[in-house]
Amino acid sequence: MEALILGWYILTATGSVEWLVAFGALMWAGAVLAPFLAMAGDRIGLRALMCLTRGGYALLAAVLTLLILTELLVPWHVFVVYGIAGLARPSDQAIRNVLIGQTMRPEVLMGAIGLSRTTADMAKVAGAFAGAGGVALVGMGPAYAIVTALYVSAFLLSRGVARSPLHAAHDTVAGLIANLREAAHYVWTKPDLLGAFSIVFLVNLLAYPFFLGLLPYAAKVVYDVGQSGLGYLAAAFAVGALAGSLAISTSYRSLPAGRVMLWSAAAWFVAIVLFGQTRSLPFGLALLFLSGFVQSFCLIPVAVVMLRGAAEHMRGRVMGMRVLAVWGLPFGLLASGPIIDGLGYTACTVIYASLGLAATFAIGYRLRNK
């Protein structure tokens, strides 16, 4: 909801796709801090870390709400406040996955993570309509006040999270760097973890830019459907992701996580190529639904592979390393702006999807016997 409200504001206020992709990249700038936040979670507990981050989100959202209601908001305010929130935001999914890994048996891990993503995907569906349609109905100020209230609710609900076991943590900078180096070496030397890490980086670099940054551009320029249309586009992707999460969480069959991860990534890139070629809104909505569906079948197995492959004392650090792969998203977004300006939106989808398909098959070939 927040991303759609502010993304549309930036595109409308600046009229620039490059400013839009720069804004989208801000959400993920904090991925580089994810391993350190994971270590902080080991030291103070994941419950305390979740409360701290959600309390911070609520405070920052309240600042933006005040600026909107007093009509003092300008684009640089959004960049500063959203950039601060982006320092912790990329770690949220990893924190939730570590909590699941600590409480669920390995044989039910796939269903448990699928159920967790189902709740998040349901929120994305509601947020897609509320974020775009809410501004059109009640205005940006009241809509953003709702965002602030939801962050306050998230903070209060986080206090009910079970306390997790604490692990030893290093107090010095040298100790933190050594800990990070150990986690990187651990992922690098385990083929299953390295393959999953590579897929996450790849889809963030070449797939997610079209859904987590460029969607307002597609609504305004490609489909010319306005804010309400943006809500439908975002909802189509979120509904597809929800359907995929439900399919996995309710499946009675044990899926081969590695193969499902690879084939779903390939299908995702094919959907992106087709999405870039169409100007038909119904066909575009169908392709966004398909993209969301295969996204769930790609990323839920990734989390399962990494949680199953990591020892208990390394889970926090391994999932922190997984978040580092999100750095592909800001790079992919920032590169897409000049490509779209120079070659067009369609050419950008073809370039990104072709590179993604080639890299996915290369990863699969490398790990075929693992």
Protein backbone atom coordinates (compact mmCIF):
# COMPACT_ATOMS: atom_id res chain seq x y z
CA MET A 1 0.00 0.00 0.00
CA GLU A 2 2.76 2.42 0.97
CA ALA A 3 4.91 1.65 -2.09
CA LEU A 4 2.04 2.29 -4.51
CA ILE A 5 1.00 5.56 -2.85
CA LEU A 6 4.51 6.98 -2.81
CA GLY A 7 5.53 5.52 -6.18
CA TRP A 8 2.59 7.18 -7.91
CA TYR A 9 3.36 10.45 -6.11
CA ILE A 10 7.00 10.40 -7.27
CA LEU A 11 6.07 9.61 -10.88
CA THR A 12 3.39 12.33 -10.93
CA ALA A 13 5.49 14.97 -9.18
CA THR A 14 8.67 14.43 -11.21
CA GLY A 15 7.38 12.92 -14.46
CA SER A 16 10.57 10.87 -14.65
CA VAL A 17 10.94 7.09 -14.88
CA GLU A 18 14.52 7.43 -13.61
CA TRP A 19 13.31 9.09 -10.40
CA LEU A 20 10.69 6.36 -10.08
CA VAL A 21 13.24 3.54 -10.32
CA ALA A 22 15.54 5.38 -7.90
CA PHE A 23 12.66 5.51 -5.43
CA GLY A 24 11.96 1.80 -5.94
CA ALA A 25 15.62 0.99 -5.27
CA LEU A 26 15.50 2.79 -1.91
CA MET A 27 13.28 0.09 -0.40
CA TRP A 28 16.05 -2.45 -0.82
CA ALA A 29 19.12 -0.34 -0.07
CA GLY A 30 19.39 -1.86 3.41
CA ALA A 31 19.97 -5.37 2.07
CA VAL A 32 23.68 -4.88 2.71
CA LEU A 33 22.89 -4.57 6.44
CA ALA A 34 20.86 -7.80 6.56
CA PRO A 35 23.68 -10.06 7.86
CA PHE A 36 24.38 -7.59 10.66
CA LEU A 37 20.69 -7.41 11.57
CA ALA A 38 20.65 -11.21 11.61
CA MET A 39 23.55 -11.16 14.08
CA ALA A 40 21.69 -8.56 16.14
CA GLY A 41 18.71 -10.92 16.16
CA ASP A 42 20.97 -13.70 17.48
CA ARG A 43 22.08 -11.39 20.29
CA ILE A 44 18.89 -9.60 21.38
CA GLY A 45 16.31 -12.05 20.03
CA LEU A 46 14.20 -11.87 16.88
CA ARG A 47 11.13 -10.72 18.81
CA ALA A 48 12.96 -7.62 20.07
CA LEU A 49 14.36 -6.96 16.60
CA MET A 50 10.90 -7.16 15.01
CA CYS A 51 9.48 -4.75 17.57
CA LEU A 52 12.30 -2.27 16.97
CA THR A 53 11.91 -2.31 13.18
CA ARG A 54 8.13 -2.06 13.18
CA GLY A 55 8.18 0.72 15.75
CA GLY A 56 10.61 2.58 13.50
CA TYR A 57 8.36 2.10 10.46
CA ALA A 58 5.41 3.53 12.39
CA LEU A 59 7.39 6.60 13.45
CA LEU A 60 8.64 7.30 9.91
CA ALA A 61 5.16 6.83 8.43
CA ALA A 62 3.79 9.29 10.98
CA VAL A 63 6.34 11.88 9.80
CA LEU A 64 5.23 11.46 6.17
CA THR A 65 1.55 11.62 7.18
CA LEU A 66 2.17 14.93 8.95
CA LEU A 67 3.97 16.35 5.91
CA ILE A 68 1.15 15.25 3.58
CA LEU A 69 -1.64 16.63 5.75
CA THR A 70 0.15 19.99 6.16
CA GLU A 71 0.80 20.12 2.38
CA LEU A 72 4.55 20.46 2.96
CA LEU A 73 5.52 17.20 1.24
CA VAL A 74 8.05 17.41 -1.61
CA PRO A 75 9.80 14.50 -3.38
CA TRP A 76 13.05 14.72 -1.43
CA HIS A 77 11.13 14.17 1.83
CA VAL A 78 9.89 10.85 0.44
CA PHE A 79 13.38 9.79 -0.60
CA VAL A 80 14.89 10.57 2.81
CA VAL A 81 12.18 8.99 4.96
CA TYR A 82 11.63 5.97 2.73
CA GLY A 83 15.39 5.50 2.43
CA ILE A 84 15.73 5.31 6.22
CA ALA A 85 12.97 2.70 6.41
CA GLY A 86 14.70 0.79 3.60
CA LEU A 87 17.71 0.16 5.84
CA ALA A 88 15.77 -2.54 7.73
CA ARG A 89 12.91 -3.49 5.42
CA PRO A 90 14.75 -6.10 3.26
CA SER A 91 15.45 -8.18 6.37
CA ASP A 92 11.78 -8.66 7.32
CA GLN A 93 11.17 -11.79 5.25
CA ALA A 94 14.40 -13.39 6.47
CA ILE A 95 13.46 -12.72 10.10
CA ARG A 96 10.08 -14.40 9.63
CA ASN A 97 11.66 -17.39 7.87
CA VAL A 98 14.19 -17.88 10.67
CA LEU A 99 11.34 -17.88 13.23
CA ILE A 100 9.57 -20.55 11.18
CA GLY A 101 12.76 -22.60 10.90
CA GLN A 102 13.13 -22.52 14.69
CA THR A 103 9.60 -23.75 15.40
CA MET A 104 8.64 -26.16 12.58
CA ARG A 105 9.83 -29.69 11.82
CA PRO A 106 11.81 -30.12 8.54
CA GLU A 107 9.13 -32.29 6.90
CA VAL A 108 6.47 -29.57 7.23
CA LEU A 109 8.75 -26.64 6.45
CA MET A 110 7.51 -26.16 2.87
CA GLY A 111 3.87 -25.92 3.97
CA ALA A 112 4.71 -23.66 6.90
CA ILE A 113 6.61 -21.16 4.77
CA GLY A 114 3.85 -21.33 2.16
CA LEU A 115 1.29 -20.50 4.84
CA SER A 116 3.43 -17.59 6.05
CA ARG A 117 3.68 -16.19 2.53
CA THR A 118 -0.07 -16.67 2.11
CA THR A 119 -0.76 -14.16 4.88
CA ALA A 120 1.70 -11.70 3.32
CA ASP A 121 0.20 -12.19 -0.15
CA MET A 122 -3.32 -11.59 1.18
CA ALA A 123 -2.08 -8.30 2.60
CA LYS A 124 -0.57 -7.40 -0.78
CA VAL A 125 -3.88 -8.00 -2.52
CA ALA A 126 -5.68 -5.71 -0.07
CA GLY A 127 -2.83 -3.20 -0.20
CA ALA A 128 -2.90 -3.04 -3.99
CA PHE A 129 -6.52 -1.88 -3.99
CA ALA A 130 -6.20 0.26 -0.86
CA GLY A 131 -2.97 1.92 -1.97
CA ALA A 132 -4.06 2.97 -5.44
CA GLY A 133 -7.83 3.16 -5.00
CA GLY A 134 -7.64 4.69 -1.53
CA VAL A 135 -5.82 7.77 -2.78
CA ALA A 136 -8.42 8.23 -5.52
CA LEU A 137 -11.29 7.91 -3.03
CA VAL A 138 -10.12 9.74 0.11
CA GLY A 139 -6.90 11.49 -0.87
CA MET A 140 -3.24 10.83 -0.13
CA GLY A 141 -3.26 12.14 3.45
CA PRO A 142 -6.03 9.93 4.88
CA ALA A 143 -4.73 6.94 2.90
CA TYR A 144 -1.27 7.37 4.40
CA ALA A 145 -2.75 7.78 7.88
CA ILE A 146 -4.09 4.23 7.41
CA VAL A 147 -0.54 3.08 6.57
CA THR A 148 0.69 4.60 9.83
CA ALA A 149 -2.08 2.90 11.83
CA LEU A 150 -1.20 -0.46 10.26
CA TYR A 151 2.45 -0.06 11.23
CA VAL A 152 1.41 0.69 14.82
CA SER A 153 -0.72 -2.47 14.76
CA ALA A 154 2.23 -4.47 13.43
CA PHE A 155 4.37 -3.22 16.31
CA LEU A 156 1.76 -4.25 18.87
CA LEU A 157 1.28 -7.69 17.28
CA SER A 158 5.04 -8.28 17.17
CA ARG A 159 5.07 -8.17 20.96
CA GLY A 160 3.18 -11.47 20.85
CA VAL A 161 5.91 -13.30 18.94
CA ALA A 162 7.51 -16.16 20.88
CA ARG A 163 10.94 -15.49 22.30
CA SER A 164 13.68 -17.21 20.29
CA PRO A 165 16.91 -18.73 21.63
CA LEU A 166 19.86 -16.36 21.84
CA HIS A 167 23.21 -17.24 20.31
CA ALA A 168 26.63 -15.82 21.00
CA ALA A 169 27.42 -12.62 19.17
CA HIS A 170 30.61 -10.65 18.67
CA ASP A 171 30.91 -7.18 20.16
CA THR A 172 33.76 -5.83 18.02
CA VAL A 173 33.70 -4.74 14.40
CA ALA A 174 36.38 -7.31 13.64
CA GLY A 175 34.21 -10.00 15.21
CA LEU A 176 31.19 -8.96 13.13
CA ILE A 177 33.24 -9.03 9.93
CA ALA A 178 34.65 -12.44 10.85
CA ASN A 179 31.12 -13.69 11.48
CA LEU A 180 29.99 -12.37 8.10
CA ARG A 181 32.99 -13.96 6.38
CA GLU A 182 32.14 -17.28 8.03
CA ALA A 183 28.55 -17.07 6.76
CA ALA A 184 29.72 -16.24 3.21
CA HIS A 185 32.16 -19.16 3.24
CA TYR A 186 29.44 -21.47 4.58
CA VAL A 187 27.06 -20.55 1.72
CA TRP A 188 29.84 -20.69 -0.92
CA THR A 189 30.95 -24.21 0.03
CA LYS A 190 27.46 -25.77 0.07
CA PRO A 191 26.18 -26.18 -3.53
CA ASP A 192 22.50 -26.25 -2.55
CA LEU A 193 22.78 -22.98 -0.61
CA LEU A 194 24.86 -21.33 -3.34
CA GLY A 195 22.36 -22.36 -6.03
CA ALA A 196 19.43 -20.96 -4.04
CA PHE A 197 21.36 -17.75 -3.34
CA SER A 198 22.13 -17.37 -7.06
CA ILE A 199 18.47 -17.76 -8.04
CA VAL A 200 17.40 -15.14 -5.50
CA PHE A 201 19.97 -12.66 -6.84
CA LEU A 202 18.92 -13.40 -10.41
CA VAL A 203 15.18 -12.84 -9.97
CA ASN A 204 15.81 -9.69 -7.96
CA LEU A 205 18.13 -8.33 -10.64
CA LEU A 206 16.09 -9.21 -13.73
CA ALA A 207 12.48 -10.07 -12.73
CA TYR A 208 11.34 -8.03 -9.73
CA PRO A 209 12.11 -4.57 -11.22
CA PHE A 210 8.98 -4.89 -13.39
CA PHE A 211 6.74 -5.64 -10.40
CA LEU A 212 8.32 -3.75 -7.47
CA GLY A 213 9.38 -0.53 -9.15
CA LEU A 214 8.17 -0.11 -12.72
CA LEU A 215 4.50 -1.00 -12.26
CA PRO A 216 3.42 2.67 -11.88
CA TYR A 217 5.22 3.38 -15.18
CA ALA A 218 3.40 0.48 -16.87
CA ALA A 219 0.05 1.75 -15.58
CA LYS A 220 0.62 5.39 -16.53
CA VAL A 221 2.56 5.10 -19.80
CA VAL A 222 2.11 1.60 -21.23
CA TYR A 223 -1.56 0.94 -20.38
CA ASP A 224 -2.71 4.53 -19.66
CA VAL A 225 -5.08 3.38 -16.91
CA GLY A 226 -4.39 5.79 -14.03
CA GLN A 227 -4.29 5.04 -10.31
CA SER A 228 -7.22 2.63 -10.29
CA GLY A 229 -5.60 0.64 -13.09
CA LEU A 230 -2.36 0.55 -11.10
CA GLY A 231 -4.31 -1.05 -8.27
CA TYR A 232 -5.64 -3.74 -10.62
CA LEU A 233 -2.15 -4.46 -12.00
CA ALA A 234 -0.62 -4.76 -8.55
CA ALA A 235 -3.55 -6.85 -7.32
CA ALA A 236 -3.23 -9.28 -10.25
CA PHE A 237 0.38 -10.02 -9.31
CA ALA A 238 -0.50 -10.30 -5.62
CA VAL A 239 -3.50 -12.59 -6.27
CA GLY A 240 -1.26 -14.85 -8.36
CA ALA A 241 1.30 -14.95 -5.55
CA LEU A 242 -1.48 -15.76 -3.07
CA ALA A 243 -2.76 -18.59 -5.29
CA GLY A 244 0.76 -20.00 -5.55
CA SER A 245 1.31 -19.80 -1.80
CA LEU A 246 -2.01 -21.52 -1.13
CA ALA A 247 -1.20 -24.26 -3.66
CA ILE A 248 2.08 -24.99 -1.92
CA SER A 249 0.83 -24.72 1.67
CA THR A 250 -2.12 -27.09 1.02
CA SER A 251 -0.23 -29.60 -1.11
CA TYR A 252 -0.03 -33.13 0.27
CA ARG A 253 2.84 -34.04 -2.04
CA SER A 254 6.49 -33.45 -1.15
CA LEU A 255 7.80 -31.18 -3.91
CA PRO A 256 11.45 -31.40 -5.07
CA ALA A 257 12.37 -27.92 -3.89
CA GLY A 258 15.47 -27.47 -6.06
CA ARG A 259 13.83 -28.43 -9.37
CA VAL A 260 10.64 -26.51 -8.63
CA MET A 261 12.75 -23.42 -7.85
CA LEU A 262 14.59 -23.59 -11.20
CA TRP A 263 11.63 -24.35 -13.48
CA SER A 264 9.50 -21.68 -11.82
CA ALA A 265 12.23 -19.07 -12.31
CA ALA A 266 12.37 -19.97 -16.03
CA ALA A 267 8.57 -19.69 -16.34
CA TRP A 268 8.68 -16.32 -14.59
CA PHE A 269 11.09 -14.91 -17.20
CA VAL A 270 8.93 -16.23 -20.05
CA ALA A 271 5.92 -14.41 -18.54
CA ILE A 272 7.97 -11.19 -18.39
CA VAL A 273 8.81 -11.41 -22.11
CA LEU A 274 5.12 -11.81 -22.96
CA PHE A 275 4.08 -9.04 -20.55
CA GLY A 276 6.42 -6.62 -22.31
CA GLN A 277 4.90 -7.35 -25.72
CA THR A 278 1.22 -6.77 -24.93
CA ARG A 279 -0.76 -3.55 -24.65
CA SER A 280 -3.98 -5.39 -23.84
CA LEU A 281 -4.93 -4.79 -20.21
CA PRO A 282 -6.82 -8.11 -19.75
CA PHE A 283 -3.89 -10.09 -21.19
CA GLY A 284 -1.46 -8.05 -19.09
CA LEU A 285 -3.48 -8.83 -15.94
CA ALA A 286 -3.43 -12.54 -16.79
CA LEU A 287 0.35 -12.47 -17.26
CA LEU A 288 0.81 -10.63 -13.98
CA PHE A 289 -1.29 -13.29 -12.25
CA LEU A 290 0.89 -16.00 -13.81
CA SER A 291 4.05 -14.14 -12.77
CA GLY A 292 2.85 -13.93 -9.17
CA PHE A 293 1.91 -17.62 -9.18
CA VAL A 294 5.29 -18.88 -10.39
CA GLN A 295 7.05 -16.36 -8.11
CA SER A 296 5.67 -18.25 -5.11
CA PHE A 297 6.75 -21.58 -6.60
CA CYS A 298 10.22 -20.11 -7.06
CA LEU A 299 10.89 -18.33 -3.77
CA ILE A 300 9.18 -20.61 -1.25
CA PRO A 301 11.39 -23.56 -2.33
CA VAL A 302 14.40 -21.22 -2.14
CA ALA A 303 13.66 -20.58 1.54
CA VAL A 304 13.13 -24.31 2.15
CA VAL A 305 16.44 -25.22 0.49
CA MET A 306 18.32 -22.66 2.58
CA LEU A 307 16.65 -23.50 5.89
CA ARG A 308 17.04 -27.25 5.39
CA GLY A 309 20.65 -26.91 4.28
CA ALA A 310 21.77 -24.65 7.14
CA ALA A 311 22.70 -25.85 10.61
CA GLU A 312 20.56 -24.39 13.41
CA HIS A 313 23.29 -22.07 14.71
CA MET A 314 23.87 -20.73 11.16
CA ARG A 315 20.25 -20.14 10.11
CA GLY A 316 20.15 -16.47 11.07
CA ARG A 317 23.39 -15.72 9.26
CA VAL A 318 22.47 -17.80 6.19
CA MET A 319 19.11 -16.04 5.83
CA GLY A 320 20.92 -12.75 6.32
CA MET A 321 23.20 -13.69 3.42
CA ARG A 322 20.08 -14.56 1.42
CA VAL A 323 18.84 -11.01 1.88
CA LEU A 324 22.14 -9.73 0.45
CA ALA A 325 20.94 -11.19 -2.86
CA VAL A 326 18.18 -8.57 -2.80
CA TRP A 327 20.87 -6.07 -3.81
CA GLY A 328 20.19 -7.28 -7.33
CA LEU A 329 16.88 -5.37 -7.25
CA PRO A 330 18.22 -1.80 -6.85
CA PHE A 331 20.88 -2.51 -9.48
CA GLY A 332 18.25 -3.91 -11.85
CA LEU A 333 15.93 -0.97 -11.25
CA LEU A 334 18.61 1.67 -11.74
CA ALA A 335 19.81 0.03 -14.95
CA SER A 336 16.26 -0.23 -16.33
CA GLY A 337 15.70 3.55 -16.32
CA PRO A 338 18.30 4.42 -19.01
CA ILE A 339 17.34 1.31 -21.02
CA ILE A 340 13.67 2.33 -21.10
CA ASP A 341 14.57 5.92 -21.98
CA GLY A 342 16.86 4.78 -24.79
CA LEU A 343 15.27 1.59 -26.17
CA GLY A 344 11.77 1.49 -24.70
CA TYR A 345 9.88 -0.61 -22.15
CA THR A 346 9.38 -3.60 -24.48
CA ALA A 347 13.08 -3.86 -25.30
CA CYS A 348 13.92 -3.72 -21.59
CA THR A 349 11.65 -6.69 -20.83
CA VAL A 350 13.22 -8.72 -23.66
CA ILE A 351 16.80 -7.94 -22.54
CA TYR A 352 16.15 -8.71 -18.88
CA ALA A 353 14.10 -11.88 -19.48
CA SER A 354 16.58 -13.29 -22.03
CA LEU A 355 19.50 -12.80 -19.67
CA GLY A 356 17.43 -14.32 -16.83
CA LEU A 357 16.52 -17.43 -18.83
CA ALA A 358 20.12 -18.01 -19.92
CA ALA A 359 21.43 -17.63 -16.37
CA THR A 360 18.70 -19.89 -14.90
CA PHE A 361 19.57 -22.73 -17.27
CA ALA A 362 23.28 -22.20 -16.53
CA ILE A 363 22.62 -22.53 -12.77
CA GLY A 364 20.50 -25.64 -13.36
CA TYR A 365 23.22 -27.22 -15.51
CA ARG A 366 25.87 -26.46 -12.89
CA LEU A 367 23.80 -28.04 -10.10
CA ARG A 368 22.30 -30.93 -12.13
CA ASN A 369 24.12 -33.61 -10.09
CA LYS A 370 23.85 -31.94 -6.69
